[in-house]
Amino acid sequence: MRVPATIRDVARASGVHISTVSRTFSAPHLVNPETRSRVLACAEHLGYRPNRAARALITGRTHNIGLIVADIANPFFPPLIKAAESQARHRDYHIFVTDTNEDPAVEEDLVHALAKQVDGVLLCSPRMSNSLIEQLSREVPLVVINRQVTGLPAVVMDVGQGARLAVEHLTGLGHRRIALLGGPRGSWTNREIRRAATAAARAGDAELIVLGPNQPTEQGGLAQADPVRRAGATAVLAYNDLMAIGLIEGLDSLGVRVPEDVSVVGIDDIALSRLTRPKLTTVANPTAAAGRAAVDMLLQHGDDRRTTAQVTLQTELVIRDSTGPAPAALPAVTEATVKE
């Protein structure tokens, strides 16, 4: 059995001191490029892998990052996770991914649990209060994704811009009674969507009917099909694509056609939005770019917990088959009508 190579073997083979080998892996920018290349080549040839635990004791860094997401089963998150992991590996870091199931108490527990095991935490679409997030940032460096918290670094996808574009698209098609399917209670994204959609509807001389809060799932959208029909809306903007897809299913079961009777727009542009029938008009969120930017921001600003650095990524409207011209206004369904 071959004995694993040690740091002494690499030092001897490359003709440098052990401390130089150590710096090559822990602080490569401090090592002469020629020397660094020679050490890395010898390490590769000998099959040497540095002991991360030992390196953490010396440098005070684990080279681990925590990534906490609201619901790993939601197709919105995997592209972000994949991009963050790839970017972290490129920077010689590993990512621990955890799921809160939309529960702010679980979210808090996970930050406490990860604090001593990682160099920082990426909080994606957190449900905790701003004050609690600020408090936790004193325990471990945080970067917030899809949320703005005063005094903390953030990567924000401009869902407000996306909601505005979606409503302008609908009013441009002649829709004047639009339903907004809200997301979960406590969601910053939900508040931004509602704020922008309300302003855009007012500017387009349209009425906005808010239905929610709702679970951001297909079932959450399915449950709103009858309320949408009762409201007499000719168009709907949903909190996310999963809700939009569930809504279309529910409307179909009620005999309401999309887009002939009701136009539907989602948000996120998940892969499933291109596979539904009709294909879903949606707001594309740059989730992969957000994952990469969050890793870079944490590694750049992790030691400066007072930074207000923020990256805002633009969204865009992707028009497909689920939206069309407004039909003759559908009358709101009253209780008396239902009983008949």
Protein backbone atom coordinates (compact mmCIF):
# COMPACT_ATOMS: atom_id res chain seq x y z
CA MET A 1 0.00 0.00 0.00
CA ARG A 2 1.35 3.38 -1.00
CA VAL A 3 2.00 5.76 1.90
CA PRO A 4 0.30 9.14 1.37
CA ALA A 5 2.69 11.96 0.55
CA THR A 6 3.33 14.50 3.30
CA ILE A 7 4.13 18.18 3.28
CA ARG A 8 7.77 17.26 4.01
CA ASP A 9 7.89 15.13 0.85
CA VAL A 10 6.63 18.07 -1.23
CA ALA A 11 9.13 20.45 0.39
CA ARG A 12 12.01 18.07 -0.29
CA ALA A 13 10.96 17.43 -3.91
CA SER A 14 10.50 21.13 -4.71
CA GLY A 15 13.58 22.31 -2.82
CA VAL A 16 11.79 24.72 -0.47
CA HIS A 17 11.04 24.98 3.23
CA ILE A 18 7.92 23.34 4.69
CA SER A 19 6.51 26.78 5.51
CA THR A 20 6.68 27.72 1.82
CA VAL A 21 4.62 24.66 0.90
CA SER A 22 2.12 25.60 3.59
CA ARG A 23 1.84 29.16 2.29
CA THR A 24 1.41 27.90 -1.26
CA PHE A 25 -1.86 26.26 -0.22
CA SER A 26 -3.05 28.66 2.50
CA ALA A 27 -1.94 32.04 1.07
CA PRO A 28 -0.74 31.52 -2.52
CA HIS A 29 -0.60 35.26 -3.22
CA LEU A 30 2.33 35.49 -0.78
CA VAL A 31 4.47 32.99 -2.73
CA ASN A 32 6.63 33.82 -5.74
CA PRO A 33 4.72 32.64 -8.86
CA GLU A 34 7.62 30.50 -10.10
CA THR A 35 8.04 28.86 -6.70
CA ARG A 36 4.31 28.38 -6.36
CA SER A 37 4.09 26.63 -9.72
CA ARG A 38 6.99 24.34 -8.81
CA VAL A 39 5.45 23.41 -5.45
CA LEU A 40 2.03 22.74 -6.98
CA ALA A 41 3.57 20.60 -9.72
CA CYS A 42 5.47 18.51 -7.15
CA ALA A 43 2.36 18.16 -5.00
CA GLU A 44 0.36 16.99 -8.01
CA HIS A 45 3.07 14.50 -9.00
CA LEU A 46 3.27 13.07 -5.45
CA GLY A 47 -0.50 13.03 -5.00
CA TYR A 48 -0.30 15.34 -1.98
CA ARG A 49 -3.50 16.82 -0.60
CA PRO A 50 -3.29 19.38 2.22
CA ASN A 51 -5.00 18.57 5.51
CA ARG A 52 -7.85 21.07 5.68
CA ALA A 53 -8.35 20.62 9.41
CA ALA A 54 -4.71 21.33 10.15
CA ARG A 55 -4.70 24.29 7.77
CA ALA A 56 -7.77 25.70 9.54
CA LEU A 57 -5.92 25.61 12.87
CA ILE A 58 -3.07 27.61 11.37
CA THR A 59 -5.02 30.12 9.28
CA GLY A 60 -8.24 30.38 11.28
CA ARG A 61 -10.17 29.62 8.08
CA THR A 62 -12.16 26.48 7.35
CA HIS A 63 -12.52 27.12 3.61
CA ASN A 64 -16.16 26.12 4.03
CA ILE A 65 -19.24 28.23 3.25
CA GLY A 66 -22.80 27.63 4.44
CA LEU A 67 -25.68 28.12 2.00
CA ILE A 68 -29.15 28.22 3.54
CA VAL A 69 -32.13 28.06 1.18
CA ALA A 70 -35.85 28.32 1.91
CA ASP A 71 -36.94 25.17 0.05
CA ILE A 72 -34.49 22.94 -1.78
CA ALA A 73 -37.39 21.21 -3.57
CA ASN A 74 -38.28 24.48 -5.31
CA PRO A 75 -36.73 24.43 -8.83
CA PHE A 76 -35.70 28.07 -8.34
CA PHE A 77 -32.85 27.10 -6.02
CA PRO A 78 -30.82 24.29 -7.73
CA PRO A 79 -29.28 26.54 -10.46
CA LEU A 80 -28.22 29.00 -7.74
CA ILE A 81 -26.78 26.20 -5.59
CA LYS A 82 -24.92 24.64 -8.52
CA ALA A 83 -23.40 27.98 -9.58
CA ALA A 84 -22.39 28.84 -6.00
CA GLU A 85 -20.73 25.45 -5.53
CA SER A 86 -18.81 25.80 -8.80
CA GLN A 87 -17.62 29.30 -7.90
CA ALA A 88 -16.61 28.16 -4.43
CA ARG A 89 -14.57 25.23 -5.79
CA HIS A 90 -12.84 27.64 -8.14
CA ARG A 91 -11.82 29.64 -5.05
CA ASP A 92 -10.78 26.46 -3.15
CA TYR A 93 -13.85 26.48 -0.91
CA HIS A 94 -16.53 23.90 -0.18
CA ILE A 95 -20.24 24.63 0.31
CA PHE A 96 -22.59 23.07 2.87
CA VAL A 97 -26.20 23.34 1.65
CA THR A 98 -29.09 23.30 4.13
CA ASP A 99 -32.86 23.66 3.75
CA THR A 100 -35.26 25.48 6.12
CA ASN A 101 -38.59 24.37 4.61
CA GLU A 102 -39.71 28.03 4.73
CA ASP A 103 -39.39 28.04 8.56
CA PRO A 104 -37.63 31.08 10.09
CA ALA A 105 -36.99 29.22 13.37
CA VAL A 106 -35.14 26.47 11.50
CA GLU A 107 -33.26 29.18 9.62
CA GLU A 108 -31.99 30.70 12.86
CA ASP A 109 -30.98 27.30 14.26
CA LEU A 110 -29.01 26.50 11.10
CA VAL A 111 -27.04 29.77 11.24
CA HIS A 112 -26.06 28.99 14.86
CA ALA A 113 -25.11 25.42 13.90
CA LEU A 114 -22.98 26.47 10.93
CA ALA A 115 -21.29 29.47 12.58
CA LYS A 116 -18.32 27.52 13.99
CA GLN A 117 -17.92 25.28 10.96
CA VAL A 118 -17.76 27.80 8.11
CA ASP A 119 -16.11 31.09 7.19
CA GLY A 120 -19.45 32.66 6.31
CA VAL A 121 -23.07 31.95 5.42
CA LEU A 122 -25.12 32.79 2.33
CA LEU A 123 -28.75 33.38 3.32
CA CYS A 124 -30.99 32.87 0.30
CA SER A 125 -34.53 34.29 0.47
CA PRO A 126 -34.53 34.30 4.29
CA ARG A 127 -37.81 34.46 6.23
CA MET A 128 -36.32 35.83 9.47
CA SER A 129 -36.82 39.43 10.57
CA ASN A 130 -34.22 42.03 9.63
CA SER A 131 -33.34 42.57 13.29
CA LEU A 132 -32.63 38.88 13.82
CA ILE A 133 -30.52 38.68 10.66
CA GLU A 134 -28.51 41.70 11.84
CA GLN A 135 -28.01 40.02 15.22
CA LEU A 136 -26.81 36.77 13.61
CA SER A 137 -24.35 38.69 11.43
CA ARG A 138 -22.39 39.47 14.60
CA GLU A 139 -21.88 35.74 15.08
CA VAL A 140 -20.79 34.83 11.55
CA PRO A 141 -20.26 36.82 8.31
CA LEU A 142 -23.43 36.83 6.22
CA VAL A 143 -24.33 37.66 2.63
CA VAL A 144 -28.05 37.94 1.96
CA ILE A 145 -29.48 36.84 -1.40
CA ASN A 146 -32.85 38.18 -2.56
CA ARG A 147 -33.27 40.44 0.46
CA GLN A 148 -32.03 43.85 1.54
CA VAL A 149 -30.93 44.22 5.17
CA THR A 150 -29.41 47.54 6.25
CA GLY A 151 -25.69 47.27 6.87
CA LEU A 152 -25.25 43.80 5.36
CA PRO A 153 -23.83 42.80 1.96
CA ALA A 154 -26.54 41.62 -0.43
CA VAL A 155 -27.09 40.17 -3.88
CA VAL A 156 -30.50 41.22 -5.15
CA MET A 157 -32.39 40.10 -8.23
CA ASP A 158 -34.53 43.04 -9.30
CA VAL A 159 -37.92 41.34 -9.05
CA GLY A 160 -39.56 44.76 -8.80
CA GLN A 161 -38.38 45.56 -12.30
CA GLY A 162 -39.63 42.16 -13.45
CA ALA A 163 -43.07 42.66 -11.90
CA ARG A 164 -43.35 46.06 -13.55
CA LEU A 165 -42.48 44.59 -16.96
CA ALA A 166 -45.02 41.81 -16.46
CA VAL A 167 -47.86 44.17 -15.55
CA GLU A 168 -46.98 46.53 -18.40
CA HIS A 169 -47.11 43.55 -20.76
CA LEU A 170 -50.57 42.63 -19.48
CA THR A 171 -51.99 46.16 -19.62
CA GLY A 172 -50.51 46.48 -23.11
CA LEU A 173 -52.64 43.48 -24.08
CA GLY A 174 -55.71 45.30 -22.81
CA HIS A 175 -56.10 43.67 -19.38
CA ARG A 176 -57.66 46.01 -16.83
CA ARG A 177 -58.49 43.57 -14.02
CA ILE A 178 -55.33 41.77 -12.89
CA ALA A 179 -54.90 39.39 -9.97
CA LEU A 180 -51.63 39.16 -8.06
CA LEU A 181 -51.01 35.82 -6.35
CA GLY A 182 -48.91 36.75 -3.33
CA GLY A 183 -46.15 34.60 -1.89
CA PRO A 184 -45.36 33.59 1.69
CA ARG A 185 -45.82 35.93 4.62
CA GLY A 186 -42.58 37.70 5.59
CA SER A 187 -41.04 37.43 2.12
CA TRP A 188 -39.07 40.50 1.01
CA THR A 189 -39.47 39.38 -2.60
CA ASN A 190 -43.23 39.27 -2.16
CA ARG A 191 -43.27 42.85 -0.88
CA GLU A 192 -41.14 44.05 -3.79
CA ILE A 193 -43.37 42.34 -6.34
CA ARG A 194 -46.51 43.81 -4.78
CA ARG A 195 -45.03 47.33 -4.58
CA ALA A 196 -43.94 47.34 -8.23
CA ALA A 197 -47.09 45.61 -9.55
CA THR A 198 -49.33 48.07 -7.72
CA ALA A 199 -47.51 51.06 -9.22
CA ALA A 200 -47.49 49.57 -12.73
CA ALA A 201 -51.21 48.70 -12.57
CA ARG A 202 -52.05 52.22 -11.46
CA ALA A 203 -49.95 53.67 -14.29
CA GLY A 204 -51.72 51.37 -16.77
CA ASP A 205 -55.21 52.30 -15.51
CA ALA A 206 -55.77 48.74 -14.29
CA GLU A 207 -57.18 47.29 -11.08
CA LEU A 208 -54.87 45.00 -9.08
CA ILE A 209 -56.54 42.35 -6.90
CA VAL A 210 -54.15 40.83 -4.35
CA LEU A 211 -54.83 37.22 -3.36
CA GLY A 212 -52.63 35.89 -0.57
CA PRO A 213 -50.40 35.26 1.22
CA ASN A 214 -49.87 31.79 -0.25
CA GLN A 215 -47.42 28.95 -0.07
CA PRO A 216 -44.97 29.36 -3.01
CA THR A 217 -45.80 25.94 -4.41
CA GLU A 218 -47.83 24.39 -7.20
CA GLN A 219 -50.51 23.55 -4.62
CA GLY A 220 -50.57 27.18 -3.53
CA GLY A 221 -51.40 28.24 -7.10
CA LEU A 222 -53.92 25.43 -7.58
CA ALA A 223 -55.85 26.61 -4.50
CA GLN A 224 -56.22 30.11 -5.99
CA ALA A 225 -57.89 29.02 -9.25
CA ASP A 226 -61.42 29.44 -7.95
CA PRO A 227 -60.69 32.81 -6.21
CA VAL A 228 -59.22 34.08 -9.49
CA ARG A 229 -62.35 32.98 -11.36
CA ARG A 230 -64.61 34.57 -8.74
CA ALA A 231 -62.69 37.84 -8.92
CA GLY A 232 -63.34 38.14 -12.65
CA ALA A 233 -59.65 38.77 -13.38
CA THR A 234 -58.59 38.43 -17.02
CA ALA A 235 -54.89 38.19 -16.14
CA VAL A 236 -52.75 36.93 -13.25
CA LEU A 237 -49.20 37.61 -12.08
CA ALA A 238 -48.04 34.84 -9.74
CA TYR A 239 -45.32 35.07 -7.09
CA ASN A 240 -43.36 32.34 -8.86
CA ASP A 241 -43.56 29.85 -11.70
CA LEU A 242 -44.64 26.94 -9.48
CA MET A 243 -47.73 28.88 -8.39
CA ALA A 244 -48.44 29.92 -11.98
CA ILE A 245 -48.25 26.30 -13.14
CA GLY A 246 -50.55 25.17 -10.35
CA LEU A 247 -52.98 27.98 -11.19
CA ILE A 248 -53.13 26.96 -14.86
CA GLU A 249 -53.93 23.40 -13.79
CA GLY A 250 -56.67 24.63 -11.49
CA LEU A 251 -58.18 26.95 -14.08
CA ASP A 252 -58.23 24.12 -16.61
CA SER A 253 -60.20 21.96 -14.17
CA LEU A 254 -62.77 24.79 -13.93
CA GLY A 255 -63.07 25.06 -17.71
CA VAL A 256 -61.16 28.36 -17.85
CA ARG A 257 -58.78 28.52 -20.81
CA VAL A 258 -55.28 30.00 -20.71
CA PRO A 259 -54.67 32.41 -22.38
CA GLU A 260 -58.03 32.75 -24.17
CA ASP A 261 -59.97 33.49 -20.95
CA VAL A 262 -57.20 34.32 -18.48
CA SER A 263 -53.55 35.24 -19.14
CA VAL A 264 -50.97 33.99 -16.63
CA VAL A 265 -47.44 35.22 -15.90
CA GLY A 266 -44.97 33.57 -13.52
CA ILE A 267 -41.65 34.66 -12.05
CA ASP A 268 -38.31 32.76 -12.06
CA ASP A 269 -38.14 31.08 -15.52
CA ILE A 270 -37.54 27.61 -14.09
CA ALA A 271 -36.96 24.82 -16.62
CA LEU A 272 -40.51 23.54 -16.11
CA SER A 273 -41.94 26.83 -17.40
CA ARG A 274 -40.76 25.89 -20.89
CA LEU A 275 -42.34 22.43 -20.70
CA THR A 276 -45.89 23.32 -19.60
CA ARG A 277 -48.77 23.67 -22.03
CA PRO A 278 -49.18 26.48 -22.74
CA LYS A 279 -45.55 27.46 -22.30
CA LEU A 280 -45.37 29.96 -19.47
CA THR A 281 -44.72 33.67 -19.92
CA THR A 282 -42.43 34.53 -17.02
CA VAL A 283 -39.88 36.90 -15.51
CA ALA A 284 -36.40 35.38 -15.79
CA ASN A 285 -34.34 35.70 -12.63
CA PRO A 286 -30.51 35.43 -12.98
CA THR A 287 -30.23 32.79 -10.26
CA ALA A 288 -26.90 31.31 -11.38
CA ALA A 289 -25.32 34.76 -11.55
CA ALA A 290 -26.66 35.46 -8.05
CA GLY A 291 -25.02 32.32 -6.68
CA ARG A 292 -21.63 33.23 -8.15
CA ALA A 293 -21.85 36.86 -7.04
CA ALA A 294 -22.78 35.88 -3.48
CA VAL A 295 -19.72 33.63 -3.11
CA ASP A 296 -17.43 36.35 -4.46
CA MET A 297 -19.00 38.95 -2.17
CA LEU A 298 -18.60 36.78 0.92
CA LEU A 299 -14.95 36.08 0.20
CA GLN A 300 -14.30 39.73 -0.60
CA HIS A 301 -16.16 41.28 2.32
CA GLY A 302 -16.38 38.43 4.84
CA ASP A 303 -14.08 40.09 7.39
CA ASP A 304 -15.80 43.47 7.05
CA ARG A 305 -19.14 42.93 8.76
CA ARG A 306 -20.06 46.60 8.41
CA THR A 307 -19.97 46.68 4.63
CA THR A 308 -23.04 47.85 2.72
CA ALA A 309 -21.90 46.34 -0.57
CA GLN A 310 -24.77 45.35 -2.84
CA VAL A 311 -25.03 43.78 -6.28
CA THR A 312 -28.31 44.23 -8.17
CA LEU A 313 -28.93 41.84 -11.05
CA GLN A 314 -31.43 42.68 -13.77
CA THR A 315 -34.45 40.56 -14.61
CA GLU A 316 -36.19 40.24 -17.97
CA LEU A 317 -39.64 39.33 -19.25
CA VAL A 318 -39.79 36.17 -21.37
CA ILE A 319 -43.00 36.16 -23.42
CA ARG A 320 -44.34 32.72 -24.34
CA ASP A 321 -47.81 31.26 -24.86
CA SER A 322 -49.68 31.81 -21.58
CA THR A 323 -50.53 35.46 -22.24
CA GLY A 324 -52.75 36.96 -24.90
CA PRO A 325 -55.20 39.80 -25.60
CA ALA A 326 -57.80 40.53 -22.95
CA PRO A 327 -61.19 38.90 -23.59
CA ALA A 328 -64.44 40.65 -22.86
CA ALA A 329 -64.28 41.37 -19.14
CA LEU A 330 -65.28 38.38 -17.06
CA PRO A 331 -67.90 39.31 -14.44
CA ALA A 332 -66.94 38.63 -10.85
CA VAL A 333 -68.71 35.50 -9.55
CA THR A 334 -70.92 36.38 -6.60
CA GLU A 335 -72.11 34.03 -3.88
CA ALA A 336 -75.63 34.25 -5.33
CA THR A 337 -74.34 33.18 -8.72
CA VAL A 338 -72.53 30.23 -7.17
CA LYS A 339 -75.65 29.03 -5.32
CA GLU A 340 -77.68 29.07 -8.53
